Protein backbone atom coordinates (compact mmCIF):
# COMPACT_ATOMS: atom_id res chain seq x y z
CA UNK A 1 8.20 -50.27 29.86
CA UNK A 2 8.95 -48.58 27.09
CA UNK A 3 11.63 -49.62 24.43
CA UNK A 4 13.44 -46.45 22.52
CA UNK A 5 16.22 -46.52 19.95
CA UNK A 6 18.16 -43.78 18.67
CA UNK A 7 21.76 -44.67 16.62
CA UNK A 8 24.62 -43.39 14.52
CA UNK A 9 24.43 -43.63 10.45
CA UNK A 10 26.73 -44.57 8.06
CA UNK A 11 24.24 -42.77 5.48
CA UNK A 12 21.04 -40.83 6.25
CA UNK A 13 18.53 -44.11 7.63
CA UNK A 14 15.45 -43.37 9.80
CA UNK A 15 16.24 -43.53 13.51
CA UNK A 16 13.47 -42.92 16.32
CA UNK A 17 14.51 -40.33 18.71
CA UNK A 18 11.57 -39.50 21.07
CA UNK A 19 10.08 -36.10 21.29
CA UNK A 20 11.99 -32.99 22.45
CA UNK A 21 11.71 -30.59 24.99
CA UNK A 22 12.07 -26.80 24.34
CA UNK A 23 16.09 -26.53 24.88
CA UNK A 24 18.83 -25.64 22.60
CA UNK A 25 18.91 -28.99 20.81
CA UNK A 26 17.20 -32.11 21.20
CA UNK A 27 17.27 -34.48 24.11
CA UNK A 28 15.41 -37.75 24.60
CA UNK A 29 12.15 -37.78 26.64
CA UNK A 30 9.06 -39.89 26.56
CA UNK A 31 5.55 -38.95 27.53
CA UNK A 32 4.62 -40.33 30.86
CA UNK A 33 1.05 -39.30 31.64
CA UNK A 34 0.76 -36.61 28.85
CA UNK A 35 3.82 -34.69 30.29
CA UNK A 36 7.08 -34.80 28.70
CA UNK A 37 9.80 -36.59 30.77
CA UNK A 38 13.28 -35.92 29.76
CA UNK A 39 15.67 -38.98 29.67
CA UNK A 40 18.24 -38.42 32.50
CA UNK A 41 20.27 -40.72 34.76
CA UNK A 42 19.53 -40.17 38.47
CA UNK A 43 21.73 -42.73 39.83
CA UNK A 44 25.58 -43.91 38.73
CA UNK A 45 25.60 -45.36 35.48
CA UNK A 46 26.91 -48.78 35.57
CA UNK A 47 27.68 -51.45 32.67
CA UNK A 48 28.88 -54.57 31.24
CA UNK A 49 30.77 -55.58 28.18
CA UNK A 50 29.80 -58.59 26.09
CA UNK A 51 32.55 -60.94 26.12
CA UNK A 52 33.02 -60.87 21.98
CA UNK A 53 35.95 -59.96 19.94
CA UNK A 54 35.76 -59.03 16.72
CA UNK A 55 38.61 -58.85 13.79
CA UNK A 56 41.12 -56.32 15.04
CA UNK A 57 39.06 -55.41 18.79
CA UNK A 58 38.73 -57.40 21.49
CA UNK A 59 36.13 -57.28 24.39
CA UNK A 60 38.67 -55.88 26.57
CA UNK A 61 39.72 -53.15 23.94
CA UNK A 62 35.67 -52.41 23.47
CA UNK A 63 35.40 -51.55 27.20
CA UNK A 64 39.11 -49.24 26.97
CA UNK A 65 37.44 -47.21 24.28
CA UNK A 66 33.92 -47.43 25.76
CA UNK A 67 35.79 -46.05 29.07
CA UNK A 68 37.70 -43.11 27.69
CA UNK A 69 34.22 -42.32 26.08
CA UNK A 70 32.21 -42.04 29.33
CA UNK A 71 35.52 -39.69 30.54
CA UNK A 72 35.30 -37.55 27.68
CA UNK A 73 31.48 -37.13 28.91
CA UNK A 74 32.36 -36.76 32.17
CA UNK A 75 35.20 -34.33 32.05
CA UNK A 76 32.77 -31.52 30.55
CA UNK A 77 33.75 -28.88 32.69
CA UNK A 78 30.64 -28.07 35.73
CA UNK A 79 29.00 -31.02 35.05
CA UNK A 80 27.91 -34.10 37.36
CA UNK A 81 27.72 -37.52 36.26
CA UNK A 82 28.69 -41.02 37.53
CA UNK A 83 29.87 -43.91 35.62
CA UNK A 84 31.26 -47.33 36.37
CA UNK A 85 32.34 -50.24 34.17
CA UNK A 86 31.07 -53.59 36.37
CA UNK A 87 32.83 -56.33 34.13
CA UNK A 88 32.87 -58.52 30.92
CA UNK A 89 29.97 -60.59 30.79
CA UNK A 90 28.39 -63.11 28.65
CA UNK A 91 24.95 -61.30 28.07
CA UNK A 92 24.40 -59.71 24.87
CA UNK A 93 23.72 -55.94 24.28
CA UNK A 94 19.81 -56.13 24.26
CA UNK A 95 17.15 -55.04 26.48
CA UNK A 96 14.98 -56.88 29.26
CA UNK A 97 17.68 -58.54 31.25
CA UNK A 98 17.57 -55.17 33.99
CA UNK A 99 21.40 -54.53 32.90
CA UNK A 100 23.21 -51.97 30.52
CA UNK A 101 25.74 -53.76 27.88
CA UNK A 102 28.05 -52.21 25.20
CA UNK A 103 28.98 -55.33 22.63
CA UNK A 104 29.59 -56.24 19.44
CA UNK A 105 26.21 -57.63 17.67
CA UNK A 106 25.47 -58.97 13.77
CA UNK A 107 22.99 -56.81 12.52
CA UNK A 108 22.81 -57.37 8.53
CA UNK A 109 19.26 -56.53 8.13
CA UNK A 110 20.77 -52.80 9.68
CA UNK A 111 23.35 -52.50 6.52
CA UNK A 112 23.52 -48.55 7.36
CA UNK A 113 23.60 -48.01 10.68
CA UNK A 114 27.10 -48.50 12.76
CA UNK A 115 25.51 -48.91 15.79
CA UNK A 116 22.88 -47.96 17.94
CA UNK A 117 21.62 -47.47 21.89
CA UNK A 118 18.18 -48.70 23.00
CA UNK A 119 16.33 -47.76 26.56
CA UNK A 120 14.25 -49.58 28.94
CA UNK A 121 12.21 -46.89 30.58
CA UNK A 122 9.43 -47.52 33.53
CA UNK A 123 6.64 -45.86 31.52
CA UNK A 124 4.80 -44.63 34.79
CA UNK A 125 7.83 -42.89 36.43
CA UNK A 126 10.15 -42.11 33.59
CA UNK A 127 13.04 -43.81 35.09
CA UNK A 128 15.90 -45.43 33.18
CA UNK A 129 15.88 -48.41 33.78
CA UNK A 130 18.87 -50.22 31.45
CA UNK A 131 20.27 -48.91 28.16
CA UNK A 132 22.40 -51.35 25.55
CA UNK A 133 24.43 -50.40 23.15
CA UNK A 134 25.43 -52.65 20.10
CA UNK A 135 28.33 -52.25 17.39
CA UNK A 136 27.12 -53.40 13.92
CA UNK A 137 29.36 -56.03 13.11
CA UNK A 138 28.41 -55.81 9.46
CA UNK A 139 31.11 -53.27 9.52
CA UNK A 140 34.90 -53.30 10.63
CA UNK A 141 35.93 -51.94 13.26
CA UNK A 142 39.02 -50.31 14.63
CA UNK A 143 40.82 -49.20 18.05
CA UNK A 144 43.87 -47.94 16.35
CA UNK A 145 45.36 -44.99 18.08
CA UNK A 146 45.17 -42.96 14.80
CA UNK A 147 42.60 -44.99 13.02
CA UNK A 148 42.66 -47.26 10.58
CA UNK A 149 41.53 -47.40 6.92
CA UNK A 150 38.44 -48.99 5.77
CA UNK A 151 37.82 -49.63 9.80
CA UNK A 152 34.96 -47.73 11.83
CA UNK A 153 36.40 -46.03 14.78
CA UNK A 154 35.18 -47.63 18.14
CA UNK A 155 35.62 -45.08 20.52
CA UNK A 156 34.27 -42.16 17.98
CA UNK A 157 31.14 -44.30 17.39
CA UNK A 158 30.88 -44.59 21.25
CA UNK A 159 31.39 -41.11 22.01
CA UNK A 160 28.19 -40.80 20.15
CA UNK A 161 25.93 -43.57 21.08
CA UNK A 162 27.41 -43.02 24.75
CA UNK A 163 25.70 -39.70 24.25
CA UNK A 164 22.42 -41.16 23.41
CA UNK A 165 23.14 -43.38 26.55
CA UNK A 166 22.62 -39.77 28.65
CA UNK A 167 20.08 -38.68 26.99
CA UNK A 168 21.03 -36.30 24.19
CA UNK A 169 19.48 -36.68 20.84
CA UNK A 170 21.21 -35.52 17.42
CA UNK A 171 22.76 -32.20 16.48
CA UNK A 172 22.01 -30.63 13.31
CA UNK A 173 25.87 -29.03 13.00
CA UNK A 174 26.83 -30.98 9.67
CA UNK A 175 27.14 -30.46 6.42
CA UNK A 176 26.32 -33.57 3.90
CA UNK A 177 25.89 -33.98 0.06
CA UNK A 178 23.58 -36.48 -1.92
CA UNK A 179 25.42 -39.82 -2.77
CA UNK A 180 24.28 -41.53 -6.26
CA UNK A 181 24.26 -44.61 -4.47
CA UNK A 182 21.58 -43.01 -2.31
CA UNK A 183 22.03 -41.38 1.44
CA UNK A 184 24.26 -38.81 2.22
CA UNK A 185 28.43 -38.21 2.93
CA UNK A 186 29.65 -35.96 5.74
CA UNK A 187 31.20 -33.11 4.23
CA UNK A 188 32.05 -31.51 7.78
CA UNK A 189 30.19 -31.40 11.27
CA UNK A 190 30.41 -29.52 14.32
CA UNK A 191 29.11 -31.78 16.60
CA UNK A 192 29.43 -35.13 17.66
CA UNK A 193 26.05 -35.92 17.99
CA UNK A 194 25.02 -35.25 14.19
CA UNK A 195 23.30 -38.09 13.07
CA UNK A 196 25.63 -39.37 9.97
CA UNK A 197 29.17 -40.35 10.77
CA UNK A 198 32.81 -39.68 9.17
CA UNK A 199 33.97 -42.51 6.62
CA UNK A 200 35.83 -45.38 7.82
CA UNK A 201 39.06 -44.60 9.35
CA UNK A 202 38.42 -41.13 10.84
CA UNK A 203 38.45 -40.23 14.14
CA UNK A 204 38.04 -36.79 14.54
CA UNK A 205 34.62 -37.50 16.90
CA UNK A 206 36.55 -38.66 19.43
CA UNK A 207 36.37 -34.82 20.45
CA UNK A 208 33.38 -33.01 21.87
CA UNK A 209 32.30 -29.97 20.04
CA UNK A 210 30.60 -26.84 21.65
CA UNK A 211 27.05 -27.74 20.90
CA UNK A 212 27.79 -31.26 22.51
CA UNK A 213 29.63 -29.46 25.48
CA UNK A 214 26.35 -27.12 25.72
CA UNK A 215 23.77 -30.76 25.63
CA UNK A 216 25.49 -32.25 28.14
CA UNK A 217 25.93 -29.10 30.53
CA UNK A 218 21.95 -28.77 30.33
CA UNK A 219 21.17 -32.21 30.92
CA UNK A 220 23.97 -32.35 34.36
CA UNK A 221 25.20 -29.07 34.39
CA UNK A 222 25.72 -28.01 38.06
CA UNK A 223 24.63 -25.01 39.80
CA UNK A 224 28.13 -23.32 39.13
CA UNK A 225 27.02 -24.00 35.41
CA UNK A 226 24.13 -22.00 35.70
CA UNK A 227 25.51 -19.05 37.15
CA UNK A 228 28.02 -19.04 34.21
CA UNK A 229 26.60 -19.34 30.85
CA UNK A 230 23.34 -17.67 29.15
CA UNK A 231 20.80 -18.17 26.51
CA UNK A 232 19.04 -17.04 23.69
CA UNK A 233 15.65 -17.26 23.12
CA UNK A 234 12.77 -16.11 20.50
CA UNK A 235 10.77 -16.75 17.44
CA UNK A 236 11.20 -18.31 13.98
CA UNK A 237 8.12 -16.82 12.00
CA UNK A 238 6.91 -16.91 8.09
CA UNK A 239 4.79 -14.07 6.72
CA UNK A 240 3.47 -13.51 10.84
CA UNK A 241 3.26 -17.31 11.56
CA UNK A 242 5.43 -19.45 13.38
CA UNK A 243 7.58 -22.09 12.03
CA UNK A 244 7.94 -25.78 13.78
CA UNK A 245 11.26 -27.42 13.32
CA UNK A 246 13.68 -24.61 11.97
CA UNK A 247 17.37 -24.93 12.78
CA UNK A 248 18.39 -22.32 14.87
CA UNK A 249 22.07 -21.38 15.27
CA UNK A 250 24.00 -19.24 17.74
CA UNK A 251 27.84 -18.47 17.01
CA UNK A 252 29.91 -16.68 19.30
CA UNK A 253 31.76 -13.47 17.62
CA UNK A 254 34.78 -13.84 19.67
CA UNK A 255 35.68 -17.70 19.76
CA UNK A 256 33.66 -18.86 16.75
CA UNK A 257 32.04 -21.67 18.64
CA UNK A 258 28.50 -22.49 17.63
CA UNK A 259 25.73 -24.07 19.35
CA UNK A 260 22.32 -25.08 17.45
CA UNK A 261 18.79 -25.87 18.32
CA UNK A 262 15.86 -25.66 16.66
CA UNK A 263 12.28 -23.94 17.35
CA UNK A 264 9.88 -26.50 18.78
CA UNK A 265 6.56 -25.27 18.70
CA UNK A 266 4.19 -24.10 16.08
CA UNK A 267 4.42 -20.54 17.53
CA UNK A 268 8.21 -21.14 15.93
CA UNK A 269 9.44 -20.54 19.47
CA UNK A 270 13.07 -21.58 20.41
CA UNK A 271 15.54 -21.57 23.26
CA UNK A 272 19.71 -22.14 23.01
CA UNK A 273 21.16 -22.43 26.40
CA UNK A 274 24.55 -23.48 28.21
CA UNK A 275 26.52 -20.28 25.72
CA UNK A 276 29.20 -18.60 27.58
CA UNK A 277 28.46 -14.57 27.81
CA UNK A 278 29.35 -12.48 24.76
CA UNK A 279 27.93 -11.34 21.64
CA UNK A 280 26.65 -13.82 19.06
CA UNK A 281 25.73 -14.23 15.52
CA UNK A 282 22.31 -16.20 15.20
CA UNK A 283 21.18 -17.39 12.32
CA UNK A 284 18.24 -19.77 10.67
CA UNK A 285 18.15 -22.43 8.26
CA UNK A 286 15.55 -25.44 7.22
CA UNK A 287 16.25 -28.65 8.20
CA UNK A 288 17.88 -30.42 5.14
CA UNK A 289 21.24 -31.99 5.77
CA UNK A 290 19.97 -35.63 7.10
CA UNK A 291 17.00 -37.40 6.91
CA UNK A 292 13.88 -34.78 9.68
CA UNK A 293 13.50 -38.54 10.82
CA UNK A 294 16.90 -38.54 12.55
CA UNK A 295 15.59 -35.60 14.50
CA UNK A 296 11.82 -35.70 14.78
CA UNK A 297 9.34 -38.48 14.99
CA UNK A 298 6.66 -36.50 13.17
CA UNK A 299 8.60 -35.18 10.27
CA UNK A 300 5.33 -33.61 8.50
CA UNK A 301 5.01 -30.99 10.64
CA UNK A 302 8.79 -29.86 10.17
CA UNK A 303 8.80 -26.42 7.77
CA UNK A 304 12.02 -26.63 5.45
CA UNK A 305 10.61 -24.22 2.72
CA UNK A 306 12.15 -21.46 3.65
CA UNK A 307 15.55 -19.49 2.91
CA UNK A 308 18.29 -19.11 5.39
CA UNK A 309 18.26 -15.35 6.96
CA UNK A 310 20.21 -14.01 10.29
CA UNK A 311 19.09 -11.77 12.83
CA UNK A 312 19.34 -8.24 11.98
CA UNK A 313 21.59 -7.46 14.71
CA UNK A 314 24.18 -9.15 17.19
CA UNK A 315 22.33 -11.01 20.03
CA UNK A 316 24.31 -10.21 24.01
CA UNK A 317 23.97 -13.08 26.06
CA UNK A 318 24.49 -12.11 29.55
CA UNK A 319 26.12 -14.62 32.07
CA UNK A 320 23.39 -16.41 34.43
CA UNK A 321 21.03 -15.19 32.23
CA UNK A 322 19.20 -14.34 28.80
CA UNK A 323 18.96 -11.58 26.71
CA UNK A 324 16.01 -10.41 25.17
CA UNK A 325 13.46 -12.47 22.92
CA UNK A 326 13.99 -12.17 19.40
CA UNK A 327 12.03 -12.82 16.11
CA UNK A 328 14.10 -13.86 12.53
CA UNK A 329 11.56 -13.19 10.03
CA UNK A 330 11.97 -15.73 7.08
CA UNK A 331 11.24 -16.05 3.43
CA UNK A 332 9.38 -18.76 1.56
CA UNK A 333 11.73 -20.61 -1.07
């Protein structure tokens, strides 16, 4: 069996996420027999909650917040996923017991990590055996309806971690600034799956953004979803050579909704899927608003030494298909 870990950060601390497949955003996956297998539940998801309270949050309140997080992901139109809370348990959110557990756990050595999801995976089939999510008791927590000053919101952080449990990696749709004391502070973001959290007291991450909805639709979308969304694809190049790890965004000209992706081959190939039909502004930029290790295992292959650029024309995305492949040429910094 293989164990994997993904987490939500208060600051930019490296967290392992498995290598992505060639899709719009990073999905979690494992290498099985030389091929990449995306992590996806092939059965109803059943989970327990640890019988442990922390100041301000009881175990039943944690369960209710996690239940709302699951319902938010499952409520994305044209997706099919099933989840069920099984019960309160004495088991801790650690691997190896064959059950998926969510709970509070003291991890003072991970002082900058709010929460994390860890996987037990069958290394022959790639099947998910269990996923455990812990919320770090090093920080204060809250389930207050409007949030609580000085405490992190369980539902907001839980929505991010349940996204990992479902097989989603990190989005790069966020803006940060370097903190004098180290790490980064979020100025704004357009994805719950951005790897750095809003400050304590904020509850904005209780609501999914367009990028999150595109991601879950890609993994658990129905046939109807395939018929009603399209994609844009192409290459990012510098002096005729492909760029690996460039961040590409597609913004719908009518709605302003943005979905992000990455160039994920040495040729600079990218695909951004799950897009409503329409005209899009396509832009590319270096991955420099979070630690590269939050997105890629091999950060040495990611090129960030280029200037942002736009595709020269609007890109038409058809319903149920893909527009013509495009090339975005960037210049070195």
